[in-house]
Amino acid sequence: MFTGIIEEVGCIQAIHRGVRSAVLEIQCDKVLEGTRIGDSIAVNGICLTVTSLRAHGYTADVMSETLARSCLGDAKPGSRVNLERAMAADGRFGGHIVSGHIDGTGSITGIREDDNAVWYTIQAEPKILHYIVEKGSIAINGISLTVAAVSDTDFQVSVIPHTRKETNLTDYKMGDRVNLECDILGKYVEKWMKPVDKPEKESKITEEFLRKYGF
């Protein structure tokens, strides 16, 4: 589990592409502290497993499902990526519950300065917007942000200077895609509230059974 508080902006050094998969070589420093092979690090909000370590970086495998669901396929050598290690049991919960399992992508359709903040408008599919609520939480490229407004076609977030400085949001422009993960609590609540259709059990009471016991 992650919290959406980015620890470091790393850089993709190389991408080794397979037929439908890829292996990433990521340059970084801070997130390597205490990290072992097999640990999880969120890359632009995507939970990936560390497969090898070196002095200033690590590698991670990316399967076809991840490439299809996310905008990681748009990345290239030199792309900067948001990095966050999985939350420690005694860590500070600074953002919101982020699983690292991307729901899909959105497209930036608006960037507007507002004094010290910058507003981003992001267009997304109805199935994603369904789980986005005003003043709720959303993870954009792994960044925990508060939804400022939402419509039938898009939503908006207002980003403070510190967040822009400490993440890769400054690299993005109009038309670029970003990874989106909706608040997982809403998805669980919706599923639990749906009625469950229980199949009718076949009765074992037969006419022969009733006659046997005097009915």
C-alpha atoms as a PDB file:
ATOM      1  CA  MET A   1       0.000   0.000   0.000  1.00  0.00           C
ATOM      2  CA  PHE A   2       1.100   3.560  -0.755  1.00  0.00           C
ATOM      3  CA  THR A   3      -0.021   6.996   0.394  1.00  0.00           C
ATOM      4  CA  GLY A   4       0.456   9.172  -2.682  1.00  0.00           C
ATOM      5  CA  ILE A   5       3.249  11.233  -1.120  1.00  0.00           C
ATOM      6  CA  ILE A   6       6.054  11.181  -3.701  1.00  0.00           C
ATOM      7  CA  GLU A   7       9.490  10.524  -2.217  1.00  0.00           C
ATOM      8  CA  GLU A   8      11.665  11.124  -5.248  1.00  0.00           C
ATOM      9  CA  VAL A   9      11.511  11.869  -8.954  1.00  0.00           C
ATOM     10  CA  GLY A  10      13.611   9.285 -10.751  1.00  0.00           C
ATOM     11  CA  CYS A  11      14.593   8.912 -14.387  1.00  0.00           C
ATOM     12  CA  ILE A  12      14.060   6.036 -16.786  1.00  0.00           C
ATOM     13  CA  GLN A  13      17.511   5.161 -18.095  1.00  0.00           C
ATOM     14  CA  ALA A  14      16.437   2.384 -20.441  1.00  0.00           C
ATOM     15  CA  ILE A  15      13.372   0.435 -21.545  1.00  0.00           C
ATOM     16  CA  HIS A  16      13.861  -3.123 -22.781  1.00  0.00           C
ATOM     17  CA  ARG A  17      10.682  -3.990 -24.651  1.00  0.00           C
ATOM     18  CA  GLY A  18       9.393  -7.490 -25.194  1.00  0.00           C
ATOM     19  CA  VAL A  19       6.526  -8.529 -27.430  1.00  0.00           C
ATOM     20  CA  ARG A  20       3.904  -7.265 -24.945  1.00  0.00           C
ATOM     21  CA  SER A  21       5.986  -6.477 -21.873  1.00  0.00           C
ATOM     22  CA  ALA A  22       8.957  -4.383 -20.803  1.00  0.00           C
ATOM     23  CA  VAL A  23      11.803  -4.116 -18.311  1.00  0.00           C
ATOM     24  CA  LEU A  24      12.548  -0.662 -16.892  1.00  0.00           C
ATOM     25  CA  GLU A  25      15.919   0.575 -15.685  1.00  0.00           C
ATOM     26  CA  ILE A  26      15.256   3.446 -13.283  1.00  0.00           C
ATOM     27  CA  GLN A  27      17.867   5.826 -11.927  1.00  0.00           C
ATOM     28  CA  CYS A  28      17.225   7.041  -8.372  1.00  0.00           C
ATOM     29  CA  ASP A  29      18.773   7.286  -4.923  1.00  0.00           C
ATOM     30  CA  LYS A  30      16.404   8.024  -2.037  1.00  0.00           C
ATOM     31  CA  VAL A  31      13.945   5.171  -2.618  1.00  0.00           C
ATOM     32  CA  LEU A  32      16.828   2.678  -2.630  1.00  0.00           C
ATOM     33  CA  GLU A  33      17.376   3.228   1.106  1.00  0.00           C
ATOM     34  CA  GLY A  34      16.406  -0.022   2.839  1.00  0.00           C
ATOM     35  CA  THR A  35      15.017  -1.465  -0.391  1.00  0.00           C
ATOM     36  CA  ARG A  36      15.545  -5.137  -1.218  1.00  0.00           C
ATOM     37  CA  ILE A  37      14.842  -7.252  -4.279  1.00  0.00           C
ATOM     38  CA  GLY A  38      11.144  -8.159  -4.215  1.00  0.00           C
ATOM     39  CA  ASP A  39      10.034  -4.902  -2.580  1.00  0.00           C
ATOM     40  CA  SER A  40       7.392  -2.693  -4.166  1.00  0.00           C
ATOM     41  CA  ILE A  41       7.979   0.811  -5.492  1.00  0.00           C
ATOM     42  CA  ALA A  42       5.238   2.845  -7.178  1.00  0.00           C
ATOM     43  CA  VAL A  43       6.370   4.267 -10.517  1.00  0.00           C
ATOM     44  CA  ASN A  44       4.020   7.068 -11.629  1.00  0.00           C
ATOM     45  CA  GLY A  45       1.479   5.434  -9.344  1.00  0.00           C
ATOM     46  CA  ILE A  46       2.000   1.887 -10.633  1.00  0.00           C
ATOM     47  CA  CYS A  47       3.055  -0.735  -8.103  1.00  0.00           C
ATOM     48  CA  LEU A  48       6.095  -2.508  -9.573  1.00  0.00           C
ATOM     49  CA  THR A  49       8.404  -5.088  -8.016  1.00  0.00           C
ATOM     50  CA  VAL A  50      12.133  -4.459  -7.714  1.00  0.00           C
ATOM     51  CA  THR A  51      13.899  -7.214  -9.652  1.00  0.00           C
ATOM     52  CA  SER A  52      17.517  -6.065  -9.313  1.00  0.00           C
ATOM     53  CA  LEU A  53      19.466  -3.338  -7.526  1.00  0.00           C
ATOM     54  CA  ARG A  54      22.563  -1.343  -8.370  1.00  0.00           C
ATOM     55  CA  ALA A  55      24.400   1.668  -6.924  1.00  0.00           C
ATOM     56  CA  HIS A  56      22.063   4.340  -8.277  1.00  0.00           C
ATOM     57  CA  GLY A  57      19.028   2.526  -9.566  1.00  0.00           C
ATOM     58  CA  TYR A  58      17.013  -0.632  -9.984  1.00  0.00           C
ATOM     59  CA  THR A  59      15.058  -2.632 -12.555  1.00  0.00           C
ATOM     60  CA  ALA A  60      11.385  -3.590 -12.660  1.00  0.00           C
ATOM     61  CA  ASP A  61       9.326  -5.831 -14.918  1.00  0.00           C
ATOM     62  CA  VAL A  62       6.163  -4.478 -16.532  1.00  0.00           C
ATOM     63  CA  MET A  63       3.579  -6.950 -17.826  1.00  0.00           C
ATOM     64  CA  SER A  64       1.200  -6.408 -20.741  1.00  0.00           C
ATOM     65  CA  GLU A  65      -1.825  -5.700 -18.503  1.00  0.00           C
ATOM     66  CA  THR A  66       0.039  -2.824 -16.868  1.00  0.00           C
ATOM     67  CA  LEU A  67       1.094  -1.347 -20.196  1.00  0.00           C
ATOM     68  CA  ALA A  68      -2.499  -1.571 -21.455  1.00  0.00           C
ATOM     69  CA  ARG A  69      -4.028   0.061 -18.366  1.00  0.00           C
ATOM     70  CA  SER A  70      -1.500   2.832 -17.841  1.00  0.00           C
ATOM     71  CA  CYS A  71       0.417   5.455 -19.782  1.00  0.00           C
ATOM     72  CA  LEU A  72       3.725   3.770 -18.988  1.00  0.00           C
ATOM     73  CA  GLY A  73       3.838   2.733 -22.620  1.00  0.00           C
ATOM     74  CA  ASP A  74       4.279   6.430 -23.493  1.00  0.00           C
ATOM     75  CA  ALA A  75       7.491   6.629 -21.455  1.00  0.00           C
ATOM     76  CA  LYS A  76      10.906   6.727 -23.074  1.00  0.00           C
ATOM     77  CA  PRO A  77      14.518   6.882 -21.888  1.00  0.00           C
ATOM     78  CA  GLY A  78      14.961  10.187 -20.104  1.00  0.00           C
ATOM     79  CA  SER A  79      11.361  10.380 -18.860  1.00  0.00           C
ATOM     80  CA  ARG A  80      11.085  11.473 -15.234  1.00  0.00           C
ATOM     81  CA  VAL A  81       8.863   9.328 -13.012  1.00  0.00           C
ATOM     82  CA  ASN A  82       7.352   9.759  -9.556  1.00  0.00           C
ATOM     83  CA  LEU A  83       8.628   7.179  -7.058  1.00  0.00           C
ATOM     84  CA  GLU A  84       7.257   6.059  -3.703  1.00  0.00           C
ATOM     85  CA  ARG A  85       8.185   3.055  -1.617  1.00  0.00           C
ATOM     86  CA  ALA A  86       5.428   0.942  -0.073  1.00  0.00           C
ATOM     87  CA  MET A  87       4.298   2.405   3.242  1.00  0.00           C
ATOM     88  CA  ALA A  88       5.960   1.010   6.345  1.00  0.00           C
ATOM     89  CA  ALA A  89       3.655  -0.236   9.122  1.00  0.00           C
ATOM     90  CA  ASP A  90       4.920   2.536  11.427  1.00  0.00           C
ATOM     91  CA  GLY A  91       4.961   5.216   8.709  1.00  0.00           C
ATOM     92  CA  ARG A  92       3.093   8.502   8.608  1.00  0.00           C
ATOM     93  CA  PHE A  93      -0.142   8.405   6.592  1.00  0.00           C
ATOM     94  CA  GLY A  94       0.220  11.720   4.752  1.00  0.00           C
ATOM     95  CA  GLY A  95      -2.018  11.195   1.704  1.00  0.00           C
ATOM     96  CA  HIS A  96      -4.741   8.593   1.199  1.00  0.00           C
ATOM     97  CA  ILE A  97      -4.933   4.847   0.581  1.00  0.00           C
ATOM     98  CA  VAL A  98      -3.272   4.196  -2.776  1.00  0.00           C
ATOM     99  CA  SER A  99      -3.026   0.593  -3.968  1.00  0.00           C
ATOM    100  CA  GLY A 100      -0.784   1.201  -6.970  1.00  0.00           C
ATOM    101  CA  HIS A 101      -3.341  -0.498  -9.240  1.00  0.00           C
ATOM    102  CA  ILE A 102      -4.217   1.953 -12.003  1.00  0.00           C
ATOM    103  CA  ASP A 103      -7.874   2.293 -13.041  1.00  0.00           C
ATOM    104  CA  GLY A 104      -6.964   3.881 -16.356  1.00  0.00           C
ATOM    105  CA  THR A 105      -5.597   7.063 -17.852  1.00  0.00           C
ATOM    106  CA  GLY A 106      -6.808  10.598 -18.336  1.00  0.00           C
ATOM    107  CA  SER A 107      -5.808  13.367 -20.726  1.00  0.00           C
ATOM    108  CA  ILE A 108      -4.790  16.848 -19.604  1.00  0.00           C
ATOM    109  CA  THR A 109      -7.138  19.301 -21.324  1.00  0.00           C
ATOM    110  CA  GLY A 110      -6.430  22.396 -19.268  1.00  0.00           C
ATOM    111  CA  ILE A 111      -3.566  23.990 -17.312  1.00  0.00           C
ATOM    112  CA  ARG A 112      -4.329  27.313 -15.643  1.00  0.00           C
ATOM    113  CA  GLU A 113      -2.329  29.386 -13.165  1.00  0.00           C
ATOM    114  CA  ASP A 114      -4.224  30.772 -10.178  1.00  0.00           C
ATOM    115  CA  ASP A 115      -1.935  32.901  -7.998  1.00  0.00           C
ATOM    116  CA  ASN A 116       0.391  30.378  -6.307  1.00  0.00           C
ATOM    117  CA  ALA A 117      -1.522  27.312  -7.524  1.00  0.00           C
ATOM    118  CA  VAL A 118      -1.981  25.635 -10.886  1.00  0.00           C
ATOM    119  CA  TRP A 119      -5.286  24.106 -11.961  1.00  0.00           C
ATOM    120  CA  TYR A 120      -5.231  20.934 -14.051  1.00  0.00           C
ATOM    121  CA  THR A 121      -8.307  19.773 -15.946  1.00  0.00           C
ATOM    122  CA  ILE A 122      -8.242  16.071 -16.790  1.00  0.00           C
ATOM    123  CA  GLN A 123     -10.619  14.329 -19.143  1.00  0.00           C
ATOM    124  CA  ALA A 124     -11.431  10.725 -18.293  1.00  0.00           C
ATOM    125  CA  GLU A 125     -13.816   7.934 -19.229  1.00  0.00           C
ATOM    126  CA  PRO A 126     -17.241   7.734 -17.512  1.00  0.00           C
ATOM    127  CA  LYS A 127     -16.280   4.492 -15.722  1.00  0.00           C
ATOM    128  CA  ILE A 128     -13.461   6.398 -13.981  1.00  0.00           C
ATOM    129  CA  LEU A 129     -15.404   9.609 -13.356  1.00  0.00           C
ATOM    130  CA  HIS A 130     -18.073   7.470 -11.690  1.00  0.00           C
ATOM    131  CA  TYR A 131     -15.762   7.051  -8.667  1.00  0.00           C
ATOM    132  CA  ILE A 132     -14.491  10.632  -8.515  1.00  0.00           C
ATOM    133  CA  VAL A 133     -16.258  12.990  -6.095  1.00  0.00           C
ATOM    134  CA  GLU A 134     -15.694  16.642  -5.296  1.00  0.00           C
ATOM    135  CA  LYS A 135     -13.384  17.060  -2.281  1.00  0.00           C
ATOM    136  CA  GLY A 136     -12.533  13.371  -2.521  1.00  0.00           C
ATOM    137  CA  SER A 137      -9.098  11.911  -3.207  1.00  0.00           C
ATOM    138  CA  ILE A 138      -7.536  10.947  -6.527  1.00  0.00           C
ATOM    139  CA  ALA A 139      -4.058   9.652  -7.354  1.00  0.00           C
ATOM    140  CA  ILE A 140      -2.615  11.253 -10.500  1.00  0.00           C
ATOM    141  CA  ASN A 141       0.682   9.663 -11.533  1.00  0.00           C
ATOM    142  CA  GLY A 142       0.811   8.393  -7.964  1.00  0.00           C
ATOM    143  CA  ILE A 143       0.316  11.857  -6.412  1.00  0.00           C
ATOM    144  CA  SER A 144      -2.392  12.111  -3.753  1.00  0.00           C
ATOM    145  CA  LEU A 145      -4.534  15.109  -4.714  1.00  0.00           C
ATOM    146  CA  THR A 146      -7.900  16.543  -3.725  1.00  0.00           C
ATOM    147  CA  VAL A 147     -10.600  16.798  -6.383  1.00  0.00           C
ATOM    148  CA  ALA A 148     -11.683  20.444  -6.647  1.00  0.00           C
ATOM    149  CA  ALA A 149     -14.466  19.953  -9.213  1.00  0.00           C
ATOM    150  CA  VAL A 150     -15.949  17.167 -11.308  1.00  0.00           C
ATOM    151  CA  SER A 151     -18.288  17.071 -14.313  1.00  0.00           C
ATOM    152  CA  ASP A 152     -19.674  14.442 -16.672  1.00  0.00           C
ATOM    153  CA  THR A 153     -16.554  14.589 -18.850  1.00  0.00           C
ATOM    154  CA  ASP A 154     -13.639  15.707 -16.672  1.00  0.00           C
ATOM    155  CA  PHE A 155     -12.413  16.754 -13.249  1.00  0.00           C
ATOM    156  CA  GLN A 156     -10.090  19.407 -11.848  1.00  0.00           C
ATOM    157  CA  VAL A 157      -7.380  19.552  -9.211  1.00  0.00           C
ATOM    158  CA  SER A 158      -5.530  22.562  -7.835  1.00  0.00           C
ATOM    159  CA  VAL A 159      -1.831  21.932  -7.191  1.00  0.00           C
ATOM    160  CA  ILE A 160       0.365  23.936  -4.802  1.00  0.00           C
ATOM    161  CA  PRO A 161       3.956  24.933  -5.717  1.00  0.00           C
ATOM    162  CA  HIS A 162       5.537  22.364  -3.374  1.00  0.00           C
ATOM    163  CA  THR A 163       3.721  19.467  -5.056  1.00  0.00           C
ATOM    164  CA  ARG A 164       4.704  20.632  -8.535  1.00  0.00           C
ATOM    165  CA  LYS A 165       8.316  21.052  -7.423  1.00  0.00           C
ATOM    166  CA  GLU A 166       8.558  17.611  -5.813  1.00  0.00           C
ATOM    167  CA  THR A 167       6.856  15.651  -8.620  1.00  0.00           C
ATOM    168  CA  ASN A 168       6.989  15.360 -12.400  1.00  0.00           C
ATOM    169  CA  LEU A 169       3.801  17.373 -13.012  1.00  0.00           C
ATOM    170  CA  THR A 170       5.866  20.254 -14.412  1.00  0.00           C
ATOM    171  CA  ASP A 171       6.926  17.955 -17.293  1.00  0.00           C
ATOM    172  CA  TYR A 172       3.351  17.534 -18.507  1.00  0.00           C
ATOM    173  CA  LYS A 173       1.551  19.678 -21.047  1.00  0.00           C
ATOM    174  CA  MET A 174      -1.841  19.835 -22.740  1.00  0.00           C
ATOM    175  CA  GLY A 175      -2.787  16.548 -24.379  1.00  0.00           C
ATOM    176  CA  ASP A 176      -0.458  14.395 -22.278  1.00  0.00           C
ATOM    177  CA  ARG A 177      -1.847  11.292 -20.581  1.00  0.00           C
ATOM    178  CA  VAL A 178      -1.588  10.623 -16.845  1.00  0.00           C
ATOM    179  CA  ASN A 179      -2.262   7.551 -14.713  1.00  0.00           C
ATOM    180  CA  LEU A 180      -5.394   7.658 -12.572  1.00  0.00           C
ATOM    181  CA  GLU A 181      -6.323   5.623  -9.504  1.00  0.00           C
ATOM    182  CA  CYS A 182      -9.656   6.376  -7.860  1.00  0.00           C
ATOM    183  CA  ASP A 183     -10.196   6.172  -4.119  1.00  0.00           C
ATOM    184  CA  ILE A 184     -10.385   2.447  -3.417  1.00  0.00           C
ATOM    185  CA  LEU A 185     -12.831   2.918  -0.507  1.00  0.00           C
ATOM    186  CA  GLY A 186     -15.599   4.046  -2.845  1.00  0.00           C
ATOM    187  CA  LYS A 187     -15.147   0.952  -5.024  1.00  0.00           C
ATOM    188  CA  TYR A 188     -15.396  -1.401  -2.051  1.00  0.00           C
ATOM    189  CA  VAL A 189     -18.470   0.341  -0.643  1.00  0.00           C
ATOM    190  CA  GLU A 190     -20.234   0.146  -4.008  1.00  0.00           C
ATOM    191  CA  LYS A 191     -19.527  -3.582  -4.336  1.00  0.00           C
ATOM    192  CA  TRP A 192     -20.647  -4.371  -0.806  1.00  0.00           C
ATOM    193  CA  MET A 193     -23.887  -2.426  -1.264  1.00  0.00           C
ATOM    194  CA  LYS A 194     -24.916  -4.386  -4.356  1.00  0.00           C
ATOM    195  CA  PRO A 195     -27.508  -7.115  -3.692  1.00  0.00           C
ATOM    196  CA  VAL A 196     -26.233 -10.643  -4.012  1.00  0.00           C
ATOM    197  CA  ASP A 197     -28.313 -13.014  -6.098  1.00  0.00           C
ATOM    198  CA  LYS A 198     -28.253 -16.281  -4.203  1.00  0.00           C
ATOM    199  CA  PRO A 199     -29.177 -19.366  -6.226  1.00  0.00           C
ATOM    200  CA  GLU A 200     -32.182 -21.225  -4.898  1.00  0.00           C
ATOM    201  CA  LYS A 201     -31.266 -24.453  -3.172  1.00  0.00           C
ATOM    202  CA  GLU A 202     -32.949 -27.563  -4.473  1.00  0.00           C
ATOM    203  CA  SER A 203     -35.278 -28.937  -1.829  1.00  0.00           C
ATOM    204  CA  LYS A 204     -34.622 -32.422  -0.542  1.00  0.00           C
ATOM    205  CA  ILE A 205     -38.244 -32.823   0.564  1.00  0.00           C
ATOM    206  CA  THR A 206     -39.905 -35.240  -1.844  1.00  0.00           C
ATOM    207  CA  GLU A 207     -43.309 -36.956  -1.909  1.00  0.00           C
ATOM    208  CA  GLU A 208     -41.611 -40.212  -1.010  1.00  0.00           C
ATOM    209  CA  PHE A 209     -39.919 -38.555   1.991  1.00  0.00           C
ATOM    210  CA  LEU A 210     -43.248 -37.181   3.273  1.00  0.00           C
ATOM    211  CA  ARG A 211     -45.029 -40.567   2.969  1.00  0.00           C
ATOM    212  CA  LYS A 212     -42.156 -42.285   4.762  1.00  0.00           C
ATOM    213  CA  TYR A 213     -42.589 -40.066   7.810  1.00  0.00           C
ATOM    214  CA  GLY A 214     -46.389 -40.165   7.895  1.00  0.00           C
ATOM    215  CA  PHE A 215     -47.366 -36.999   6.034  1.00  0.00           C
END
